Amino acid sequence: MAVIGFATPDVANRLYPTIASNDRADVVAAYLCQRGIVVKRGRGLGAARPLLGGDDTPAKVRNERVEIWLLDAGR
């Protein structure tokens, strides 16, 4: 299982999306680990792979997210 964080682009601070997405992934991974769920990796992808384009509130809400990816056991 991989925990992947995402964020919206920030024109004023280009590091923000990477930091925020990593923080999101770390919090969710820690929560799962505390409950006995094995997380192989947790990382942030910054502003990569937005669900919605634009900088309005609905787009920001959808793009600021964490996804849980189930990985092949053979990997």
PDB file of N, CA and C in Angstrom:
ATOM      1  N   MET A   1       0.844  -1.163   0.000  1.00  0.00           N
ATOM      2  CA  MET A   1       0.000   0.000   0.000  1.00  0.00           C
ATOM      3  C   MET A   1       0.895   1.233   0.000  1.00  0.00           C
ATOM      4  N   ALA A   2       0.540   2.178  -0.813  1.00  0.00           N
ATOM      5  CA  ALA A   2       1.252   3.454  -0.859  1.00  0.00           C
ATOM      6  C   ALA A   2       0.268   4.563  -0.516  1.00  0.00           C
ATOM      7  N   VAL A   3       0.726   5.531   0.237  1.00  0.00           N
ATOM      8  CA  VAL A   3      -0.078   6.700   0.582  1.00  0.00           C
ATOM      9  C   VAL A   3       0.542   7.885  -0.144  1.00  0.00           C
ATOM     10  N   ILE A   4      -0.239   8.506  -1.024  1.00  0.00           N
ATOM     11  CA  ILE A   4       0.274   9.565  -1.883  1.00  0.00           C
ATOM     12  C   ILE A   4      -0.496  10.855  -1.616  1.00  0.00           C
ATOM     13  N   GLY A   5       0.234  11.923  -1.293  1.00  0.00           N
ATOM     14  CA  GLY A   5      -0.384  13.224  -1.045  1.00  0.00           C
ATOM     15  C   GLY A   5      -0.265  14.134  -2.252  1.00  0.00           C
ATOM     16  N   PHE A   6      -1.228  15.020  -2.379  1.00  0.00           N
ATOM     17  CA  PHE A   6      -1.256  15.986  -3.480  1.00  0.00           C
ATOM     18  C   PHE A   6      -1.593  17.367  -2.933  1.00  0.00           C
ATOM     19  N   ALA A   7      -1.280  18.402  -3.700  1.00  0.00           N
ATOM     20  CA  ALA A   7      -1.577  19.780  -3.311  1.00  0.00           C
ATOM     21  C   ALA A   7      -1.843  20.605  -4.561  1.00  0.00           C
ATOM     22  N   THR A   8      -2.340  21.807  -4.360  1.00  0.00           N
ATOM     23  CA  THR A   8      -2.550  22.720  -5.478  1.00  0.00           C
ATOM     24  C   THR A   8      -1.287  23.552  -5.683  1.00  0.00           C
ATOM     25  N   PRO A   9      -1.059  24.040  -6.897  1.00  0.00           N
ATOM     26  CA  PRO A   9       0.105  24.894  -7.138  1.00  0.00           C
ATOM     27  C   PRO A   9       0.014  26.184  -6.320  1.00  0.00           C
ATOM     28  N   ASP A  10       1.148  26.686  -5.924  1.00  0.00           N
ATOM     29  CA  ASP A  10       1.207  27.958  -5.204  1.00  0.00           C
ATOM     30  C   ASP A  10       2.221  28.838  -5.927  1.00  0.00           C
ATOM     31  N   VAL A  11       1.734  29.882  -6.577  1.00  0.00           N
ATOM     32  CA  VAL A  11       2.598  30.753  -7.372  1.00  0.00           C
ATOM     33  C   VAL A  11       3.602  31.484  -6.491  1.00  0.00           C
ATOM     34  N   ALA A  12       3.183  31.888  -5.297  1.00  0.00           N
ATOM     35  CA  ALA A  12       4.056  32.660  -4.419  1.00  0.00           C
ATOM     36  C   ALA A  12       5.161  31.801  -3.800  1.00  0.00           C
ATOM     37  N   ASN A  13       4.884  30.532  -3.560  1.00  0.00           N
ATOM     38  CA  ASN A  13       5.852  29.662  -2.910  1.00  0.00           C
ATOM     39  C   ASN A  13       5.851  28.312  -3.625  1.00  0.00           C
ATOM     40  N   ARG A  14       6.822  28.096  -4.474  1.00  0.00           N
ATOM     41  CA  ARG A  14       6.846  26.872  -5.283  1.00  0.00           C
ATOM     42  C   ARG A  14       7.161  25.617  -4.470  1.00  0.00           C
ATOM     43  N   LEU A  15       7.702  25.770  -3.268  1.00  0.00           N
ATOM     44  CA  LEU A  15       7.976  24.607  -2.423  1.00  0.00           C
ATOM     45  C   LEU A  15       6.738  24.127  -1.671  1.00  0.00           C
ATOM     46  N   TYR A  16       5.749  25.010  -1.499  1.00  0.00           N
ATOM     47  CA  TYR A  16       4.564  24.666  -0.710  1.00  0.00           C
ATOM     48  C   TYR A  16       3.893  23.377  -1.159  1.00  0.00           C
ATOM     49  N   PRO A  17       3.607  23.177  -2.449  1.00  0.00           N
ATOM     50  CA  PRO A  17       2.896  21.951  -2.834  1.00  0.00           C
ATOM     51  C   PRO A  17       3.640  20.673  -2.440  1.00  0.00           C
ATOM     52  N   THR A  18       4.949  20.675  -2.578  1.00  0.00           N
ATOM     53  CA  THR A  18       5.726  19.490  -2.225  1.00  0.00           C
ATOM     54  C   THR A  18       5.698  19.248  -0.723  1.00  0.00           C
ATOM     55  N   ILE A  19       5.911  20.296   0.046  1.00  0.00           N
ATOM     56  CA  ILE A  19       5.907  20.171   1.507  1.00  0.00           C
ATOM     57  C   ILE A  19       4.525  19.753   2.004  1.00  0.00           C
ATOM     58  N   ALA A  20       3.482  20.424   1.527  1.00  0.00           N
ATOM     59  CA  ALA A  20       2.118  20.126   1.975  1.00  0.00           C
ATOM     60  C   ALA A  20       1.706  18.708   1.598  1.00  0.00           C
ATOM     61  N   SER A  21       2.034  18.288   0.393  1.00  0.00           N
ATOM     62  CA  SER A  21       1.632  16.946  -0.036  1.00  0.00           C
ATOM     63  C   SER A  21       2.385  15.863   0.741  1.00  0.00           C
ATOM     64  N   ASN A  22       3.655  16.100   1.038  1.00  0.00           N
ATOM     65  CA  ASN A  22       4.409  15.155   1.871  1.00  0.00           C
ATOM     66  C   ASN A  22       3.832  15.079   3.274  1.00  0.00           C
ATOM     67  N   ASP A  23       3.501  16.237   3.848  1.00  0.00           N
ATOM     68  CA  ASP A  23       2.906  16.268   5.188  1.00  0.00           C
ATOM     69  C   ASP A  23       1.590  15.496   5.220  1.00  0.00           C
ATOM     70  N   ARG A  24       0.755  15.688   4.210  1.00  0.00           N
ATOM     71  CA  ARG A  24      -0.528  14.971   4.150  1.00  0.00           C
ATOM     72  C   ARG A  24      -0.301  13.461   4.106  1.00  0.00           C
ATOM     73  N   ALA A  25       0.596  13.036   3.244  1.00  0.00           N
ATOM     74  CA  ALA A  25       0.879  11.600   3.117  1.00  0.00           C
ATOM     75  C   ALA A  25       1.433  11.038   4.423  1.00  0.00           C
ATOM     76  N   ASP A  26       2.316  11.771   5.078  1.00  0.00           N
ATOM     77  CA  ASP A  26       2.904  11.310   6.339  1.00  0.00           C
ATOM     78  C   ASP A  26       1.852  11.140   7.429  1.00  0.00           C
ATOM     79  N   VAL A  27       0.926  12.079   7.528  1.00  0.00           N
ATOM     80  CA  VAL A  27      -0.120  12.009   8.559  1.00  0.00           C
ATOM     81  C   VAL A  27      -1.011  10.791   8.336  1.00  0.00           C
ATOM     82  N   VAL A  28      -1.432  10.573   7.107  1.00  0.00           N
ATOM     83  CA  VAL A  28      -2.303   9.428   6.813  1.00  0.00           C
ATOM     84  C   VAL A  28      -1.541   8.113   6.997  1.00  0.00           C
ATOM     85  N   ALA A  29      -0.288   8.052   6.552  1.00  0.00           N
ATOM     86  CA  ALA A  29       0.514   6.834   6.719  1.00  0.00           C
ATOM     87  C   ALA A  29       0.704   6.514   8.202  1.00  0.00           C
ATOM     88  N   ALA A  30       0.977   7.518   9.022  1.00  0.00           N
ATOM     89  CA  ALA A  30       1.142   7.305  10.461  1.00  0.00           C
ATOM     90  C   ALA A  30      -0.155   6.803  11.090  1.00  0.00           C
ATOM     91  N   TYR A  31      -1.278   7.375  10.685  1.00  0.00           N
ATOM     92  CA  TYR A  31      -2.587   6.950  11.188  1.00  0.00           C
ATOM     93  C   TYR A  31      -2.818   5.471  10.874  1.00  0.00           C
ATOM     94  N   LEU A  32      -2.542   5.073   9.641  1.00  0.00           N
ATOM     95  CA  LEU A  32      -2.746   3.683   9.243  1.00  0.00           C
ATOM     96  C   LEU A  32      -1.792   2.751   9.987  1.00  0.00           C
ATOM     97  N   CYS A  33      -0.539   3.149  10.123  1.00  0.00           N
ATOM     98  CA  CYS A  33       0.452   2.332  10.830  1.00  0.00           C
ATOM     99  C   CYS A  33       0.075   2.133  12.295  1.00  0.00           C
ATOM    100  N   GLN A  34      -0.462   3.171  12.930  1.00  0.00           N
ATOM    101  CA  GLN A  34      -0.891   3.066  14.327  1.00  0.00           C
ATOM    102  C   GLN A  34      -2.013   2.048  14.494  1.00  0.00           C
ATOM    103  N   ARG A  35      -2.721   1.785  13.431  1.00  0.00           N
ATOM    104  CA  ARG A  35      -3.826   0.828  13.471  1.00  0.00           C
ATOM    105  C   ARG A  35      -3.434  -0.529  12.892  1.00  0.00           C
ATOM    106  N   GLY A  36      -2.129  -0.737  12.722  1.00  0.00           N
ATOM    107  CA  GLY A  36      -1.624  -2.029  12.292  1.00  0.00           C
ATOM    108  C   GLY A  36      -1.661  -2.288  10.800  1.00  0.00           C
ATOM    109  N   ILE A  37      -1.877  -1.260  10.008  1.00  0.00           N
ATOM    110  CA  ILE A  37      -1.914  -1.412   8.558  1.00  0.00           C
ATOM    111  C   ILE A  37      -0.534  -1.079   8.001  1.00  0.00           C
ATOM    112  N   VAL A  38       0.030  -1.999   7.254  1.00  0.00           N
ATOM    113  CA  VAL A  38       1.381  -1.821   6.714  1.00  0.00           C
ATOM    114  C   VAL A  38       1.339  -0.895   5.501  1.00  0.00           C
ATOM    115  N   VAL A  39       2.131   0.155   5.575  1.00  0.00           N
ATOM    116  CA  VAL A  39       2.262   1.101   4.466  1.00  0.00           C
ATOM    117  C   VAL A  39       3.674   0.960   3.923  1.00  0.00           C
ATOM    118  N   LYS A  40       3.796   0.543   2.666  1.00  0.00           N
ATOM    119  CA  LYS A  40       5.122   0.361   2.058  1.00  0.00           C
ATOM    120  C   LYS A  40       5.803   1.694   1.793  1.00  0.00           C
ATOM    121  N   ARG A  41       5.026   2.684   1.388  1.00  0.00           N
ATOM    122  CA  ARG A  41       5.626   3.995   1.149  1.00  0.00           C
ATOM    123  C   ARG A  41       4.575   5.087   1.277  1.00  0.00           C
ATOM    124  N   GLY A  42       5.065   6.235   1.659  1.00  0.00           N
ATOM    125  CA  GLY A  42       4.242   7.431   1.727  1.00  0.00           C
ATOM    126  C   GLY A  42       5.045   8.570   1.135  1.00  0.00           C
ATOM    127  N   ARG A  43       4.431   9.308   0.239  1.00  0.00           N
ATOM    128  CA  ARG A  43       5.164  10.418  -0.374  1.00  0.00           C
ATOM    129  C   ARG A  43       4.190  11.429  -0.939  1.00  0.00           C
ATOM    130  N   GLY A  44       4.707  12.606  -1.183  1.00  0.00           N
ATOM    131  CA  GLY A  44       3.910  13.660  -1.793  1.00  0.00           C
ATOM    132  C   GLY A  44       4.329  13.895  -3.225  1.00  0.00           C
ATOM    133  N   LEU A  45       3.360  14.154  -4.065  1.00  0.00           N
ATOM    134  CA  LEU A  45       3.648  14.456  -5.469  1.00  0.00           C
ATOM    135  C   LEU A  45       3.407  15.928  -5.791  1.00  0.00           C
ATOM    136  N   GLY A  46       3.251  16.744  -4.769  1.00  0.00           N
ATOM    137  CA  GLY A  46       3.068  18.176  -5.001  1.00  0.00           C
ATOM    138  C   GLY A  46       1.810  18.459  -5.791  1.00  0.00           C
ATOM    139  N   ALA A  47       1.945  19.281  -6.820  1.00  0.00           N
ATOM    140  CA  ALA A  47       0.794  19.689  -7.628  1.00  0.00           C
ATOM    141  C   ALA A  47       0.609  18.804  -8.858  1.00  0.00           C
ATOM    142  N   ALA A  48       1.307  17.681  -8.908  1.00  0.00           N
ATOM    143  CA  ALA A  48       1.152  16.757 -10.041  1.00  0.00           C
ATOM    144  C   ALA A  48      -0.226  16.109 -10.009  1.00  0.00           C
ATOM    145  N   ARG A  49      -0.733  15.771 -11.158  1.00  0.00           N
ATOM    146  CA  ARG A  49      -1.993  15.037 -11.307  1.00  0.00           C
ATOM    147  C   ARG A  49      -3.205  15.709 -10.657  1.00  0.00           C
ATOM    148  N   PRO A  50      -3.487  16.951 -10.995  1.00  0.00           N
ATOM    149  CA  PRO A  50      -4.690  17.579 -10.434  1.00  0.00           C
ATOM    150  C   PRO A  50      -5.950  16.886 -10.950  1.00  0.00           C
ATOM    151  N   LEU A  51      -6.962  16.802 -10.097  1.00  0.00           N
ATOM    152  CA  LEU A  51      -8.250  16.243 -10.517  1.00  0.00           C
ATOM    153  C   LEU A  51      -9.053  17.269 -11.299  1.00  0.00           C
ATOM    154  N   LEU A  52      -8.938  18.535 -10.896  1.00  0.00           N
ATOM    155  CA  LEU A  52      -9.636  19.631 -11.568  1.00  0.00           C
ATOM    156  C   LEU A  52      -8.647  20.738 -11.882  1.00  0.00           C
ATOM    157  N   GLY A  53      -8.799  21.362 -13.033  1.00  0.00           N
ATOM    158  CA  GLY A  53      -7.980  22.515 -13.384  1.00  0.00           C
ATOM    159  C   GLY A  53      -8.577  23.776 -12.775  1.00  0.00           C
ATOM    160  N   GLY A  54      -7.782  24.805 -12.686  1.00  0.00           N
ATOM    161  CA  GLY A  54      -8.252  26.084 -12.169  1.00  0.00           C
ATOM    162  C   GLY A  54      -7.773  26.334 -10.758  1.00  0.00           C
ATOM    163  N   ASP A  55      -8.002  27.573 -10.313  1.00  0.00           N
ATOM    164  CA  ASP A  55      -7.570  27.934  -8.961  1.00  0.00           C
ATOM    165  C   ASP A  55      -8.737  28.391  -8.093  1.00  0.00           C
ATOM    166  N   ASP A  56      -9.961  28.014  -8.481  1.00  0.00           N
ATOM    167  CA  ASP A  56     -11.114  28.360  -7.658  1.00  0.00           C
ATOM    168  C   ASP A  56     -11.221  27.372  -6.489  1.00  0.00           C
ATOM    169  N   THR A  57     -12.099  27.674  -5.554  1.00  0.00           N
ATOM    170  CA  THR A  57     -12.219  26.864  -4.345  1.00  0.00           C
ATOM    171  C   THR A  57     -12.569  25.405  -4.629  1.00  0.00           C
ATOM    172  N   PRO A  58     -13.550  25.100  -5.498  1.00  0.00           N
ATOM    173  CA  PRO A  58     -13.844  23.678  -5.744  1.00  0.00           C
ATOM    174  C   PRO A  58     -12.640  22.899  -6.281  1.00  0.00           C
ATOM    175  N   ALA A  59     -11.857  23.519  -7.145  1.00  0.00           N
ATOM    176  CA  ALA A  59     -10.671  22.843  -7.681  1.00  0.00           C
ATOM    177  C   ALA A  59      -9.647  22.619  -6.577  1.00  0.00           C
ATOM    178  N   LYS A  60      -9.414  23.627  -5.754  1.00  0.00           N
ATOM    179  CA  LYS A  60      -8.447  23.488  -4.665  1.00  0.00           C
ATOM    180  C   LYS A  60      -8.862  22.389  -3.695  1.00  0.00           C
ATOM    181  N   VAL A  61     -10.153  22.343  -3.362  1.00  0.00           N
ATOM    182  CA  VAL A  61     -10.641  21.332  -2.421  1.00  0.00           C
ATOM    183  C   VAL A  61     -10.421  19.928  -2.979  1.00  0.00           C
ATOM    184  N   ARG A  62     -10.685  19.721  -4.243  1.00  0.00           N
ATOM    185  CA  ARG A  62     -10.515  18.394  -4.858  1.00  0.00           C
ATOM    186  C   ARG A  62      -9.045  18.026  -5.026  1.00  0.00           C
ATOM    187  N   ASN A  63      -8.198  19.006  -5.300  1.00  0.00           N
ATOM    188  CA  ASN A  63      -6.794  18.724  -5.576  1.00  0.00           C
ATOM    189  C   ASN A  63      -5.949  18.555  -4.316  1.00  0.00           C
ATOM    190  N   GLU A  64      -6.392  19.095  -3.194  1.00  0.00           N
ATOM    191  CA  GLU A  64      -5.679  18.940  -1.924  1.00  0.00           C
ATOM    192  C   GLU A  64      -6.180  17.640  -1.308  1.00  0.00           C
ATOM    193  N   ARG A  65      -5.474  16.534  -1.597  1.00  0.00           N
ATOM    194  CA  ARG A  65      -6.006  15.230  -1.229  1.00  0.00           C
ATOM    195  C   ARG A  65      -4.885  14.240  -0.922  1.00  0.00           C
ATOM    196  N   VAL A  66      -5.313  13.090  -0.391  1.00  0.00           N
ATOM    197  CA  VAL A  66      -4.430  11.943  -0.202  1.00  0.00           C
ATOM    198  C   VAL A  66      -5.115  10.751  -0.855  1.00  0.00           C
ATOM    199  N   GLU A  67      -4.346   9.989  -1.611  1.00  0.00           N
ATOM    200  CA  GLU A  67      -4.858   8.769  -2.231  1.00  0.00           C
ATOM    201  C   GLU A  67      -4.128   7.577  -1.629  1.00  0.00           C
ATOM    202  N   ILE A  68      -4.842   6.473  -1.518  1.00  0.00           N
ATOM    203  CA  ILE A  68      -4.239   5.223  -1.067  1.00  0.00           C
ATOM    204  C   ILE A  68      -4.206   4.295  -2.272  1.00  0.00           C
ATOM    205  N   TRP A  69      -3.004   3.897  -2.643  1.00  0.00           N
ATOM    206  CA  TRP A  69      -2.812   3.013  -3.795  1.00  0.00           C
ATOM    207  C   TRP A  69      -2.483   1.619  -3.285  1.00  0.00           C
ATOM    208  N   LEU A  70      -3.213   0.620  -3.751  1.00  0.00           N
ATOM    209  CA  LEU A  70      -2.913  -0.765  -3.409  1.00  0.00           C
ATOM    210  C   LEU A  70      -1.886  -1.286  -4.403  1.00  0.00           C
ATOM    211  N   LEU A  71      -0.789  -1.800  -3.876  1.00  0.00           N
ATOM    212  CA  LEU A  71       0.320  -2.255  -4.710  1.00  0.00           C
ATOM    213  C   LEU A  71       0.282  -3.767  -4.877  1.00  0.00           C
ATOM    214  N   ASP A  72       0.830  -4.234  -5.959  1.00  0.00           N
ATOM    215  CA  ASP A  72       0.956  -5.664  -6.212  1.00  0.00           C
ATOM    216  C   ASP A  72       1.877  -6.272  -5.155  1.00  0.00           C
ATOM    217  N   ALA A  73       1.456  -7.362  -4.553  1.00  0.00           N
ATOM    218  CA  ALA A  73       2.234  -7.999  -3.488  1.00  0.00           C
ATOM    219  C   ALA A  73       3.605  -8.470  -3.972  1.00  0.00           C
ATOM    220  N   GLY A  74       3.757  -8.706  -5.265  1.00  0.00           N
ATOM    221  CA  GLY A  74       5.027  -9.162  -5.811  1.00  0.00           C
ATOM    222  C   GLY A  74       6.051  -8.067  -5.979  1.00  0.00           C
ATOM    223  N   ARG A  75       5.669  -6.831  -5.770  1.00  0.00           N
ATOM    224  CA  ARG A  75       6.601  -5.712  -5.970  1.00  0.00           C
ATOM    225  C   ARG A  75       7.401  -5.447  -4.743  1.00  0.00           C
TER     226      ARG A  75
END
